[in-house]
Structures are given as structure tokens and as C-alpha cells.
Amino acid sequence: MNNRTKLWLALTMVGITGGLVGIVLTELLHFVQHHAYGYALDGGHQSFREGVEAAAPLRRFYALLSCGVAAGGGWWLLKRYGKPLVGIKASLAKPLAGLPFAATVSHALLQIVTVGLGSPLGREVAPREMTAAFASLWVRRLGLDEDGARLLIACASGAGLAAVYNVPLAATLFILETMLGVWTRQAVTAALFCSVLATAVSRMGLGDM
């Protein structure tokens, strides 16, 4: 298998994975929100703001207390026992080293759980990190070169973003402008391909959000 074939196989896997990560993390977020604040448990539709406002004051207190415990304890354990985290942008400088898989996935899950409990962190980083962590696995397994690895990890980051926010074009621009800083034909094609594929997969599970 030549390098070009390996790269496009990896990009396809990244697009699909980005969509699946978007589905899993979105469903996890909703599960935590609904059970922490006790709303829409019968399957009905209610926004997070409405659910929190309707929850009893003591329930809101315990949810935020749990958020603090999860955040403080979780990040302490991660720093104490996990491998040092590597930011996605930093990983592009040494793409063949990649991101530590277990630590990065744990970090992403911890973010989603705490956001669901009421943390103001935002949910956009977690799917980017988790998809990039999977991309790092394929960099090593497929034996991509440095340029291919850099492109794959950058596209993975954008694919995760596209999947959770249903924004394939914005994610494409994010990959090209923020992550890579280049507009070559290969970069544009790869970024658009991964973002659109991730969005399409995510829509299968979540609908047109």
C-alpha cells in the first residue's frame, strides 16, 4: 500500500470516527445533564436551561458539588497517573509522536461529564481531542510520514468539531486556517472530505441538529 493510499484510508477512518465520537459525546452529555438535573427523563424535549431552572435548589447544589468533585478529583488523578497531555496544536510540531491515547480520551470524557454537570468549560475541545487521539493511533499503525501525520491529526481535530456542531464548512476553515495554516489542494480536499464525512455520520445518529 503506497503512502497516498494509506493517507486517504486514514482520512476516511478519521471522518467516520469523528462522526461516531460526536454521537457518543453528545449522548453522554445529554445523559449527564438529564440525570443530574432530573429533566426530560421520559424522552420529552426540554432545553438544558429550562431543566436547570425547573430543578430544585438542593438538586442544583448537589449537581454543582458533584461537578467540582469530578473536576478536581478527575484532573488530579489524570495528572498523577496519566501520561502528560499534549495539546493538538502542539502535537502538529511532532505529529509522529502523536497524542497519548488513554490520557487524551480520559481528558475528553472528563470534560463532557463536567460540562453536563454545569461546568462552563464548553464542549468543543473534547470531540477534537478524542478524534485526534484516534488519528494518532492510525499514524503509528499505518506508518504515515510526518506530513501525512500532521494533515491527519489536523483533519481529525476539525472532524470532531464538525460532528458536534454540524458545521462542516466552518470546520474546514478551522483546519486550514488555525491548525495547518496552509491552503494546498491536498489540504483543502482532505479537510473538506473529513469534515463533511464526520457531519454526515453524526447526522445519522443525532439528526440535523
Protein backbone atom coordinates (compact mmCIF):
# COMPACT_ATOMS: atom_id res chain seq x y z
CA MET A 1 0.00 0.00 0.00
CA ASN A 2 1.57 3.32 -1.06
CA ASN A 3 1.66 6.45 1.09
CA ARG A 4 -1.18 8.18 -0.74
CA THR A 5 -3.49 5.19 -0.31
CA LYS A 6 -2.57 4.93 3.37
CA LEU A 7 -3.29 8.62 3.90
CA TRP A 8 -6.73 8.56 2.29
CA LEU A 9 -7.64 5.37 4.10
CA ALA A 10 -6.68 7.08 7.35
CA LEU A 11 -8.63 10.24 6.42
CA THR A 12 -11.73 8.14 5.74
CA MET A 13 -11.35 6.43 9.11
CA VAL A 14 -10.91 9.82 10.78
CA GLY A 15 -14.07 11.21 9.18
CA ILE A 16 -16.13 8.23 10.29
CA THR A 17 -14.60 8.24 13.75
CA GLY A 18 -15.20 11.96 14.14
CA GLY A 19 -18.88 11.40 13.48
CA LEU A 20 -19.09 8.49 15.91
CA VAL A 21 -17.22 10.46 18.58
CA GLY A 22 -19.68 13.32 18.07
CA ILE A 23 -22.62 10.97 18.59
CA VAL A 24 -21.17 9.30 21.69
CA LEU A 25 -20.09 12.52 23.40
CA THR A 26 -23.35 14.31 22.62
CA GLU A 27 -25.40 11.43 24.00
CA LEU A 28 -23.16 11.25 27.09
CA LEU A 29 -23.57 14.99 27.65
CA HIS A 30 -27.36 14.75 27.44
CA PHE A 31 -27.42 11.70 29.72
CA VAL A 32 -25.43 13.50 32.42
CA GLN A 33 -27.50 16.69 32.10
CA HIS A 34 -30.86 14.93 32.26
CA HIS A 35 -29.97 12.73 35.22
CA ALA A 36 -28.08 15.36 37.16
CA TYR A 37 -30.93 17.86 37.00
CA GLY A 38 -33.82 15.42 36.60
CA TYR A 39 -35.47 16.71 33.44
CA ALA A 40 -36.78 15.14 30.22
CA LEU A 41 -36.23 11.65 31.64
CA ASP A 42 -39.37 10.41 29.87
CA GLY A 43 -37.91 11.31 26.49
CA GLY A 44 -39.61 14.69 26.19
CA HIS A 45 -37.84 17.74 24.85
CA GLN A 46 -36.63 20.43 27.22
CA SER A 47 -33.60 22.67 26.96
CA PHE A 48 -30.76 22.48 29.48
CA ARG A 49 -31.54 25.98 30.73
CA GLU A 50 -35.20 25.11 31.28
CA GLY A 51 -34.25 21.86 33.01
CA VAL A 52 -31.85 23.56 35.38
CA GLU A 53 -34.34 26.32 36.20
CA ALA A 54 -37.02 23.72 36.99
CA ALA A 55 -34.73 21.64 39.22
CA ALA A 56 -34.99 22.01 42.99
CA PRO A 57 -32.34 24.30 44.55
CA LEU A 58 -30.84 21.43 46.55
CA ARG A 59 -30.56 19.31 43.39
CA ARG A 60 -28.73 22.13 41.63
CA PHE A 61 -26.39 22.44 44.61
CA TYR A 62 -25.55 18.73 44.61
CA ALA A 63 -25.06 18.72 40.83
CA LEU A 64 -22.54 21.55 41.04
CA LEU A 65 -20.89 19.95 44.05
CA SER A 66 -20.52 16.75 42.03
CA CYS A 67 -19.08 18.81 39.19
CA GLY A 68 -16.42 20.22 41.49
CA VAL A 69 -15.54 16.81 42.88
CA ALA A 70 -15.38 15.24 39.41
CA ALA A 71 -13.29 18.07 38.01
CA GLY A 72 -10.87 18.33 40.92
CA GLY A 73 -10.55 14.61 41.55
CA GLY A 74 -10.56 13.60 37.91
CA TRP A 75 -7.87 16.02 36.80
CA TRP A 76 -5.74 15.23 39.85
CA LEU A 77 -5.89 11.51 39.03
CA LEU A 78 -5.16 12.21 35.39
CA LYS A 79 -2.13 14.33 36.23
CA ARG A 80 -0.96 11.90 38.90
CA TYR A 81 -1.30 8.63 36.98
CA GLY A 82 -1.77 9.50 33.32
CA LYS A 83 0.81 10.37 30.70
CA PRO A 84 1.41 14.10 30.19
CA LEU A 85 -1.26 15.60 27.95
CA VAL A 86 -0.25 17.08 24.62
CA GLY A 87 -2.32 19.82 23.01
CA ILE A 88 -3.47 19.21 19.45
CA LYS A 89 -1.71 22.31 18.15
CA ALA A 90 1.49 21.29 19.93
CA SER A 91 1.26 17.76 18.52
CA LEU A 92 1.43 19.13 14.97
CA ALA A 93 5.03 20.15 15.62
CA LYS A 94 5.88 16.47 16.25
CA PRO A 95 3.00 14.60 14.58
CA LEU A 96 4.70 11.21 14.56
CA ALA A 97 4.77 11.26 18.37
CA GLY A 98 1.03 11.87 18.41
CA LEU A 99 -1.17 12.24 21.49
CA PRO A 100 -1.22 9.82 24.47
CA PHE A 101 -4.37 7.84 23.71
CA ALA A 102 -5.69 6.81 27.13
CA ALA A 103 -4.91 10.12 28.82
CA THR A 104 -6.41 12.15 25.97
CA VAL A 105 -9.62 10.10 25.83
CA SER A 106 -9.97 10.28 29.61
CA HIS A 107 -9.45 14.04 29.48
CA ALA A 108 -12.15 14.39 26.82
CA LEU A 109 -14.67 12.28 28.74
CA LEU A 110 -13.97 14.22 31.93
CA GLN A 111 -14.66 17.48 30.11
CA ILE A 112 -18.02 16.26 28.81
CA VAL A 113 -19.12 14.92 32.21
CA THR A 114 -18.26 18.16 33.98
CA VAL A 115 -19.96 20.26 31.30
CA GLY A 116 -23.07 18.14 31.73
CA LEU A 117 -22.94 18.79 35.48
CA GLY A 118 -22.75 22.54 34.96
CA SER A 119 -19.14 23.46 34.24
CA PRO A 120 -18.72 26.42 31.85
CA LEU A 121 -15.79 24.79 30.04
CA GLY A 122 -17.59 24.26 26.72
CA ARG A 123 -17.89 21.02 24.79
CA GLU A 124 -15.94 21.86 21.64
CA VAL A 125 -12.48 20.69 22.77
CA ALA A 126 -13.42 17.15 23.86
CA PRO A 127 -14.51 15.78 20.45
CA ARG A 128 -11.50 17.39 18.81
CA GLU A 129 -9.13 15.78 21.31
CA MET A 130 -10.73 12.35 21.19
CA THR A 131 -10.81 12.18 17.39
CA ALA A 132 -7.19 13.36 17.23
CA ALA A 133 -6.24 10.64 19.73
CA PHE A 134 -7.68 8.00 17.39
CA ALA A 135 -5.85 9.62 14.49
CA SER A 136 -2.58 9.25 16.42
CA LEU A 137 -3.20 5.50 16.65
CA TRP A 138 -3.56 5.21 12.89
CA VAL A 139 -0.48 7.32 12.27
CA ARG A 140 1.56 4.65 14.03
CA ARG A 141 -0.30 1.62 12.69
CA LEU A 142 -0.31 2.75 9.05
CA GLY A 143 3.21 4.14 9.16
CA LEU A 144 2.39 7.58 7.76
CA ASP A 145 5.18 10.05 7.11
CA GLU A 146 5.43 13.33 9.03
CA ASP A 147 3.46 15.42 6.53
CA GLY A 148 0.69 12.83 6.32
CA ALA A 149 0.55 12.52 10.10
CA ARG A 150 0.29 16.30 10.52
CA LEU A 151 -2.53 16.50 7.98
CA LEU A 152 -4.38 13.57 9.55
CA ILE A 153 -4.27 14.94 13.11
CA ALA A 154 -5.33 18.42 11.97
CA CYS A 155 -8.24 16.96 9.98
CA ALA A 156 -9.22 14.80 12.95
CA SER A 157 -9.49 17.89 15.12
CA GLY A 158 -11.77 19.57 12.61
CA ALA A 159 -13.83 16.43 12.07
CA GLY A 160 -14.69 16.27 15.78
CA LEU A 161 -15.71 19.92 15.71
CA ALA A 162 -17.84 19.44 12.59
CA ALA A 163 -19.64 16.44 14.08
CA VAL A 164 -20.82 18.06 17.33
CA TYR A 165 -21.77 21.43 15.88
CA ASN A 166 -22.98 20.36 12.40
CA VAL A 167 -20.60 22.85 10.74
CA PRO A 168 -18.55 21.11 8.01
CA LEU A 169 -17.54 24.30 6.19
CA ALA A 170 -16.56 26.15 9.36
CA ALA A 171 -14.59 23.08 10.46
CA THR A 172 -12.81 23.00 7.11
CA LEU A 173 -11.75 26.62 7.56
CA PHE A 174 -10.68 25.84 11.14
CA ILE A 175 -8.40 23.04 9.90
CA LEU A 176 -6.84 25.15 7.15
CA GLU A 177 -6.52 28.46 8.98
CA THR A 178 -5.98 27.52 12.62
CA MET A 179 -4.44 24.07 12.59
CA LEU A 180 -2.40 23.88 9.38
CA GLY A 181 -2.03 27.44 8.15
CA VAL A 182 -1.81 26.24 4.52
CA TRP A 183 -4.21 26.14 1.56
CA THR A 184 -2.70 23.46 -0.67
CA ARG A 185 -5.02 21.42 -2.88
CA GLN A 186 -4.40 18.30 -0.80
CA ALA A 187 -5.05 20.11 2.50
CA VAL A 188 -8.29 21.69 1.26
CA THR A 189 -9.58 18.40 -0.17
CA ALA A 190 -8.67 16.41 2.94
CA ALA A 191 -10.13 18.97 5.34
CA LEU A 192 -13.41 19.25 3.45
CA PHE A 193 -13.68 15.48 3.00
CA CYS A 194 -13.17 14.69 6.69
CA SER A 195 -15.48 17.46 7.90
CA VAL A 196 -18.33 16.53 5.56
CA LEU A 197 -17.97 12.82 6.29
CA ALA A 198 -17.93 13.38 10.07
CA THR A 199 -21.01 15.59 9.83
CA ALA A 200 -22.87 13.03 7.70
CA VAL A 201 -22.11 10.21 10.16
CA SER A 202 -23.11 12.37 13.12
CA ARG A 203 -26.42 13.26 11.47
CA MET A 204 -27.24 9.57 11.15
CA GLY A 205 -27.20 9.26 14.92
CA LEU A 206 -28.26 12.71 16.07
CA GLY A 207 -30.32 14.06 13.20
CA ASP A 208 -29.93 17.51 11.69
CA MET A 209 -29.02 19.32 14.92
